[in-house]
C-alpha atoms as a PDB file:
ATOM      1  CA  MET A   1     -37.921 -85.440 -84.624  1.00  0.00           C
ATOM      2  CA  THR A   2     -35.552 -86.116 -81.889  1.00  0.00           C
ATOM      3  CA  ALA A   3     -33.969 -83.531 -79.633  1.00  0.00           C
ATOM      4  CA  PRO A   4     -30.352 -83.163 -80.025  1.00  0.00           C
ATOM      5  CA  ASP A   5     -28.080 -84.606 -77.222  1.00  0.00           C
ATOM      6  CA  VAL A   6     -26.882 -81.843 -74.719  1.00  0.00           C
ATOM      7  CA  ARG A   7     -23.673 -82.305 -72.680  1.00  0.00           C
ATOM      8  CA  LEU A   8     -22.606 -80.196 -69.887  1.00  0.00           C
ATOM      9  CA  ASP A   9     -18.926 -80.243 -69.226  1.00  0.00           C
ATOM     10  CA  HIS A  10     -19.069 -78.436 -65.794  1.00  0.00           C
ATOM     11  CA  PRO A  11     -22.300 -79.022 -63.881  1.00  0.00           C
ATOM     12  CA  PRO A  12     -23.261 -76.418 -61.141  1.00  0.00           C
ATOM     13  CA  THR A  13     -22.181 -76.985 -57.780  1.00  0.00           C
ATOM     14  CA  SER A  14     -25.617 -77.518 -56.527  1.00  0.00           C
ATOM     15  CA  GLU A  15     -26.242 -80.373 -58.856  1.00  0.00           C
ATOM     16  CA  PRO A  16     -25.300 -84.100 -58.334  1.00  0.00           C
ATOM     17  CA  SER A  17     -22.321 -85.492 -60.130  1.00  0.00           C
ATOM     18  CA  LEU A  18     -22.543 -86.538 -63.687  1.00  0.00           C
ATOM     19  CA  GLU A  19     -22.138 -90.219 -62.791  1.00  0.00           C
ATOM     20  CA  ASP A  20     -25.217 -89.942 -60.416  1.00  0.00           C
ATOM     21  CA  ASP A  21     -28.408 -90.980 -62.254  1.00  0.00           C
ATOM     22  CA  GLY A  22     -30.686 -90.608 -59.194  1.00  0.00           C
ATOM     23  CA  ILE A  23     -31.065 -94.420 -58.695  1.00  0.00           C
ATOM     24  CA  ASP A  24     -30.482 -95.706 -55.098  1.00  0.00           C
ATOM     25  CA  ARG A  25     -28.040 -98.674 -55.433  1.00  0.00           C
ATOM     26  CA  PRO A  26     -27.239-101.077 -52.614  1.00  0.00           C
ATOM     27  CA  CYS A  27     -24.020-100.626 -50.789  1.00  0.00           C
ATOM     28  CA  ALA A  28     -21.195-102.563 -51.887  1.00  0.00           C
ATOM     29  CA  CYS A  29     -19.997-103.275 -48.404  1.00  0.00           C
ATOM     30  CA  ALA A  30     -23.185-105.508 -47.490  1.00  0.00           C
ATOM     31  CA  PRO A  31     -24.615-108.320 -49.631  1.00  0.00           C
ATOM     32  CA  PRO A  32     -28.279-108.410 -50.264  1.00  0.00           C
ATOM     33  CA  VAL A  33     -30.421-110.531 -47.947  1.00  0.00           C
ATOM     34  CA  ALA A  34     -32.875-112.965 -49.616  1.00  0.00           C
ATOM     35  CA  LEU A  35     -36.310-113.068 -48.058  1.00  0.00           C
ATOM     36  CA  PRO A  36     -38.764-116.091 -48.188  1.00  0.00           C
ATOM     37  CA  CYS A  37     -41.977-116.146 -50.423  1.00  0.00           C
ATOM     38  CA  SER A  38     -39.985-114.982 -53.521  1.00  0.00           C
ATOM     39  CA  ALA A  39     -39.866-111.503 -52.166  1.00  0.00           C
ATOM     40  CA  PRO A  40     -37.026-109.348 -53.688  1.00  0.00           C
ATOM     41  CA  PRO A  41     -33.775-109.351 -51.925  1.00  0.00           C
ATOM     42  CA  VAL A  42     -33.235-106.583 -49.384  1.00  0.00           C
ATOM     43  CA  THR A  43     -29.955-104.824 -48.850  1.00  0.00           C
ATOM     44  CA  PRO A  44     -29.091-103.888 -45.161  1.00  0.00           C
ATOM     45  CA  PRO A  45     -28.082-100.371 -44.333  1.00  0.00           C
ATOM     46  CA  CYS A  46     -24.542 -99.539 -45.091  1.00  0.00           C
ATOM     47  CA  SER A  47     -22.024-100.277 -42.287  1.00  0.00           C
ATOM     48  CA  ALA A  48     -19.314 -98.506 -43.768  1.00  0.00           C
ATOM     49  CA  PRO A  49     -17.543 -96.065 -41.187  1.00  0.00           C
ATOM     50  CA  LEU A  50     -18.489 -92.564 -41.323  1.00  0.00           C
ATOM     51  CA  ARG A  51     -15.954 -89.946 -42.489  1.00  0.00           C
ATOM     52  CA  VAL A  52     -15.500 -86.946 -40.182  1.00  0.00           C
ATOM     53  CA  SER A  53     -14.421 -83.833 -41.837  1.00  0.00           C
ATOM     54  CA  GLY A  54     -11.206 -82.268 -40.744  1.00  0.00           C
ATOM     55  CA  ARG A  55     -10.769 -78.985 -38.873  1.00  0.00           C
ATOM     56  CA  ARG A  56     -12.097 -76.094 -40.730  1.00  0.00           C
ATOM     57  CA  PRO A  57      -9.900 -72.957 -41.084  1.00  0.00           C
ATOM     58  CA  GLY A  58     -11.145 -70.050 -39.203  1.00  0.00           C
ATOM     59  CA  PRO A  59     -10.572 -67.680 -36.337  1.00  0.00           C
ATOM     60  CA  HIS A  60     -12.448 -69.823 -33.728  1.00  0.00           C
ATOM     61  CA  SER A  61     -10.603 -72.997 -32.461  1.00  0.00           C
ATOM     62  CA  GLY A  62     -13.577 -74.321 -30.480  1.00  0.00           C
ATOM     63  CA  ARG A  63     -12.148 -73.179 -27.171  1.00  0.00           C
ATOM     64  CA  SER A  64     -13.881 -70.460 -25.053  1.00  0.00           C
ATOM     65  CA  PRO A  65     -11.700 -67.363 -24.921  1.00  0.00           C
ATOM     66  CA  ASP A  66      -9.866 -66.474 -21.709  1.00  0.00           C
ATOM     67  CA  ARG A  67     -11.326 -63.849 -19.457  1.00  0.00           C
ATOM     68  CA  VAL A  68      -9.974 -60.288 -19.723  1.00  0.00           C
ATOM     69  CA  GLY A  69      -7.800 -59.849 -16.700  1.00  0.00           C
ATOM     70  CA  SER A  70      -7.579 -63.601 -15.676  1.00  0.00           C
ATOM     71  CA  ASN A  71      -4.578 -64.851 -13.901  1.00  0.00           C
ATOM     72  CA  GLY A  72      -2.519 -65.268 -17.177  1.00  0.00           C
ATOM     73  CA  GLY A  73      -5.065 -67.485 -19.007  1.00  0.00           C
ATOM     74  CA  ARG A  74      -5.180 -69.973 -16.207  1.00  0.00           C
ATOM     75  CA  PRO A  75      -8.551 -70.825 -14.716  1.00  0.00           C
ATOM     76  CA  GLU A  76      -9.499 -68.988 -11.641  1.00  0.00           C
ATOM     77  CA  PRO A  77      -9.471 -71.068  -8.348  1.00  0.00           C
ATOM     78  CA  VAL A  78     -12.634 -72.210  -6.939  1.00  0.00           C
ATOM     79  CA  ARG A  79     -13.615 -70.117  -3.847  1.00  0.00           C
ATOM     80  CA  THR A  80     -15.853 -71.702  -1.375  1.00  0.00           C
ATOM     81  CA  VAL A  81     -18.261 -69.471   0.511  1.00  0.00           C
ATOM     82  CA  LEU A  82     -18.625 -70.387   4.017  1.00  0.00           C
ATOM     83  CA  ARG A  83     -21.926 -69.609   5.717  1.00  0.00           C
ATOM     84  CA  PRO A  84     -21.809 -67.504   8.803  1.00  0.00           C
ATOM     85  CA  ASP A  85     -22.102 -69.350  11.973  1.00  0.00           C
ATOM     86  CA  PRO A  86     -25.708 -69.399  13.536  1.00  0.00           C
ATOM     87  CA  ASP A  87     -26.541 -66.838  16.107  1.00  0.00           C
ATOM     88  CA  PRO A  88     -25.173 -68.227  19.351  1.00  0.00           C
ATOM     89  CA  GLU A  89     -27.980 -66.677  21.417  1.00  0.00           C
ATOM     90  CA  LEU A  90     -30.608 -68.405  19.193  1.00  0.00           C
ATOM     91  CA  ALA A  91     -28.797 -71.655  19.422  1.00  0.00           C
ATOM     92  CA  ALA A  92     -28.775 -71.463  23.319  1.00  0.00           C
ATOM     93  CA  ALA A  93     -32.485 -70.383  23.447  1.00  0.00           C
ATOM     94  CA  ARG A  94     -33.348 -73.376  21.105  1.00  0.00           C
ATOM     95  CA  SER A  95     -31.587 -75.835  23.424  1.00  0.00           C
ATOM     96  CA  ALA A  96     -33.357 -74.397  26.499  1.00  0.00           C
ATOM     97  CA  ALA A  97     -36.642 -74.503  24.675  1.00  0.00           C
ATOM     98  CA  ASP A  98     -36.203 -78.097  23.769  1.00  0.00           C
ATOM     99  CA  ARG A  99     -35.177 -79.144  27.413  1.00  0.00           C
ATOM    100  CA  LEU A 100     -38.046 -77.088  28.911  1.00  0.00           C
ATOM    101  CA  LEU A 101     -40.798 -78.391  26.430  1.00  0.00           C
ATOM    102  CA  ARG A 102     -39.685 -82.003  27.151  1.00  0.00           C
ATOM    103  CA  GLY A 103     -40.051 -81.440  30.952  1.00  0.00           C
ATOM    104  CA  ALA A 104     -43.516 -79.715  30.538  1.00  0.00           C
ATOM    105  CA  PHE A 105     -44.722 -82.836  28.600  1.00  0.00           C
ATOM    106  CA  GLU A 106     -43.323 -85.114  31.232  1.00  0.00           C
ATOM    107  CA  VAL A 107     -45.288 -83.129  33.908  1.00  0.00           C
ATOM    108  CA  ILE A 108     -48.392 -83.208  31.704  1.00  0.00           C
ATOM    109  CA  ASP A 109     -48.185 -86.990  31.493  1.00  0.00           C
ATOM    110  CA  ARG A 110     -47.596 -87.225  35.031  1.00  0.00           C
ATOM    111  CA  ARG A 111     -44.102 -88.628  34.841  1.00  0.00           C
ATOM    112  CA  ARG A 112     -42.563 -85.703  36.625  1.00  0.00           C
ATOM    113  CA  ALA A 113     -43.466 -83.305  39.384  1.00  0.00           C
ATOM    114  CA  PRO A 114     -44.579 -79.702  38.627  1.00  0.00           C
ATOM    115  CA  ASN A 115     -42.116 -78.193  40.916  1.00  0.00           C
ATOM    116  CA  SER A 116     -39.078 -79.488  38.736  1.00  0.00           C
ATOM    117  CA  LEU A 117     -39.963 -76.788  36.282  1.00  0.00           C
ATOM    118  CA  ARG A 118     -40.140 -73.920  38.639  1.00  0.00           C
ATOM    119  CA  ALA A 119     -36.758 -72.586  37.572  1.00  0.00           C
ATOM    120  CA  GLY A 120     -37.489 -72.657  33.862  1.00  0.00           C
ATOM    121  CA  VAL A 121     -41.164 -71.427  33.554  1.00  0.00           C
ATOM    122  CA  SER A 122     -43.059 -68.507  34.715  1.00  0.00           C
ATOM    123  CA  PRO A 123     -45.552 -69.011  37.665  1.00  0.00           C
ATOM    124  CA  ALA A 124     -48.536 -68.595  35.415  1.00  0.00           C
ATOM    125  CA  VAL A 125     -47.144 -71.353  32.952  1.00  0.00           C
ATOM    126  CA  LEU A 126     -46.290 -73.546  35.866  1.00  0.00           C
ATOM    127  CA  GLY A 127     -49.838 -73.404  37.008  1.00  0.00           C
ATOM    128  CA  MET A 128     -51.118 -74.189  33.626  1.00  0.00           C
ATOM    129  CA  ILE A 129     -48.959 -77.103  33.256  1.00  0.00           C
ATOM    130  CA  ALA A 130     -49.823 -78.649  36.582  1.00  0.00           C
ATOM    131  CA  SER A 131     -53.674 -78.154  35.719  1.00  0.00           C
ATOM    132  CA  LEU A 132     -53.078 -80.055  32.457  1.00  0.00           C
ATOM    133  CA  SER A 133     -51.596 -82.902  34.356  1.00  0.00           C
ATOM    134  CA  THR A 134     -54.818 -83.474  36.224  1.00  0.00           C
ATOM    135  CA  THR A 135     -57.216 -82.942  33.323  1.00  0.00           C
ATOM    136  CA  GLU A 136     -57.916 -84.643  30.086  1.00  0.00           C
ATOM    137  CA  VAL A 137     -55.726 -83.470  27.154  1.00  0.00           C
ATOM    138  CA  PRO A 138     -56.310 -84.235  23.515  1.00  0.00           C
ATOM    139  CA  GLY A 139     -54.464 -87.435  22.288  1.00  0.00           C
ATOM    140  CA  ARG A 140     -53.586 -88.724  25.859  1.00  0.00           C
ATOM    141  CA  ALA A 141     -54.951 -92.027  25.201  1.00  0.00           C
ATOM    142  CA  ALA A 142     -52.788 -92.461  22.172  1.00  0.00           C
ATOM    143  CA  GLY A 143     -49.589 -92.495  24.276  1.00  0.00           C
ATOM    144  CA  VAL A 144     -47.061 -90.146  25.874  1.00  0.00           C
ATOM    145  CA  ALA A 145     -46.100 -86.783  24.316  1.00  0.00           C
ATOM    146  CA  VAL A 146     -42.875 -86.907  22.222  1.00  0.00           C
ATOM    147  CA  LEU A 147     -41.261 -83.683  21.172  1.00  0.00           C
ATOM    148  CA  ARG A 148     -40.500 -83.761  17.400  1.00  0.00           C
ATOM    149  CA  THR A 149     -39.251 -80.333  16.199  1.00  0.00           C
ATOM    150  CA  VAL A 150     -38.314 -77.002  17.845  1.00  0.00           C
ATOM    151  CA  HIS A 151     -37.710 -73.680  15.870  1.00  0.00           C
ATOM    152  CA  VAL A 152     -36.842 -70.398  17.361  1.00  0.00           C
ATOM    153  CA  ARG A 153     -36.947 -66.897  15.878  1.00  0.00           C
ATOM    154  CA  ARG A 154     -36.802 -63.458  17.348  1.00  0.00           C
ATOM    155  CA  GLY A 155     -40.191 -61.799  18.286  1.00  0.00           C
ATOM    156  CA  ALA A 156     -41.096 -58.339  19.406  1.00  0.00           C
ATOM    157  CA  GLY A 157     -39.899 -56.794  22.753  1.00  0.00           C
ATOM    158  CA  GLY A 158     -36.848 -58.814  22.981  1.00  0.00           C
ATOM    159  CA  HIS A 159     -38.811 -62.105  23.361  1.00  0.00           C
ATOM    160  CA  LEU A 160     -38.265 -65.315  21.259  1.00  0.00           C
ATOM    161  CA  GLU A 161     -41.032 -67.207  19.579  1.00  0.00           C
ATOM    162  CA  VAL A 162     -40.836 -71.114  19.845  1.00  0.00           C
ATOM    163  CA  PHE A 163     -42.888 -73.243  17.649  1.00  0.00           C
ATOM    164  CA  GLY A 164     -42.634 -76.924  16.755  1.00  0.00           C
ATOM    165  CA  SER A 165     -44.503 -80.202  16.972  1.00  0.00           C
ATOM    166  CA  TYR A 166     -45.009 -83.177  19.179  1.00  0.00           C
ATOM    167  CA  SER A 167     -46.648 -86.470  18.729  1.00  0.00           C
ATOM    168  CA  ARG A 168     -48.980 -88.930  20.775  1.00  0.00           C
ATOM    169  CA  GLY A 169     -48.864 -92.377  19.052  1.00  0.00           C
ATOM    170  CA  GLU A 170     -49.702 -91.729  15.363  1.00  0.00           C
ATOM    171  CA  ARG A 171     -51.048 -88.307  15.866  1.00  0.00           C
ATOM    172  CA  ARG A 172     -49.147 -85.020  15.369  1.00  0.00           C
ATOM    173  CA  PHE A 173     -49.832 -81.800  17.139  1.00  0.00           C
ATOM    174  CA  ALA A 174     -48.471 -78.321  17.439  1.00  0.00           C
ATOM    175  CA  VAL A 175     -46.772 -76.542  20.252  1.00  0.00           C
ATOM    176  CA  ALA A 176     -45.919 -72.830  20.636  1.00  0.00           C
ATOM    177  CA  ALA A 177     -44.261 -70.788  23.351  1.00  0.00           C
ATOM    178  CA  GLN A 178     -42.615 -67.592  24.227  1.00  0.00           C
ATOM    179  CA  LEU A 179     -39.083 -67.426  25.860  1.00  0.00           C
ATOM    180  CA  SER A 180     -37.893 -64.486  27.789  1.00  0.00           C
ATOM    181  CA  ILE A 181     -34.734 -63.578  29.632  1.00  0.00           C
ATOM    182  CA  GLY A 182     -34.927 -64.840  33.256  1.00  0.00           C
ATOM    183  CA  ARG A 183     -34.613 -62.362  36.148  1.00  0.00           C
ATOM    184  CA  PRO A 184     -32.137 -61.274  37.060  1.00  0.00           C
ATOM    185  CA  ALA A 185     -30.880 -60.202  33.479  1.00  0.00           C
ATOM    186  CA  GLY A 186     -28.504 -62.639  31.898  1.00  0.00           C
ATOM    187  CA  SER A 187     -29.925 -65.757  33.600  1.00  0.00           C
ATOM    188  CA  PRO A 188     -31.139 -68.534  31.353  1.00  0.00           C
ATOM    189  CA  TRP A 189     -34.304 -68.235  29.244  1.00  0.00           C
ATOM    190  CA  ILE A 190     -37.640 -69.076  30.866  1.00  0.00           C
ATOM    191  CA  VAL A 191     -40.971 -69.875  29.252  1.00  0.00           C
ATOM    192  CA  THR A 192     -43.537 -66.978  29.798  1.00  0.00           C
ATOM    193  CA  SER A 193     -46.304 -68.416  27.484  1.00  0.00           C
ATOM    194  CA  LEU A 194     -47.234 -71.947  26.325  1.00  0.00           C
ATOM    195  CA  ARG A 195     -49.850 -73.015  23.837  1.00  0.00           C
ATOM    196  CA  LEU A 196     -50.595 -76.713  22.889  1.00  0.00           C
ATOM    197  CA  SER A 197     -52.948 -77.799  20.133  1.00  0.00           C
END
């Protein structure tokens, strides 16, 4: 007994077309390539151009909506935010600290007389620097001291804290100091404390 033939006039939209029998057929745009050893021919992938669907109808056009209250729909101008100028007092103090520390290293390395620093350092610091010029300091054999970095920040009591680094040959060391307003008030900064590592 054989089953009767059933024919669908309108297949559901989720089903393949009536002409599709589920068998993968080679693309008509590329001929099959024969392989050696009596292997079955291989059909290269289809090189037909892809079809891109047209614009779909709908409320969204693909563009971002304009901001509410913007300048008539035109893009807002780019505003550059400038950083405020650095504190001029700190800039002047950093310059003074750089000059005084370089001078101190030249005295310690016996390339300058201690009295040349009298106007820029306190008497106690001047005595310490003069003492270091006659004693052995770490790394002296590696070469002269070269100031590398100087940073200044505000400290307690109106003083400024100085910290940075210096090198002797291939070795790197730290330096710290304290700056105070010279006397009388309004004169340049002077070094009132110095520490070398």
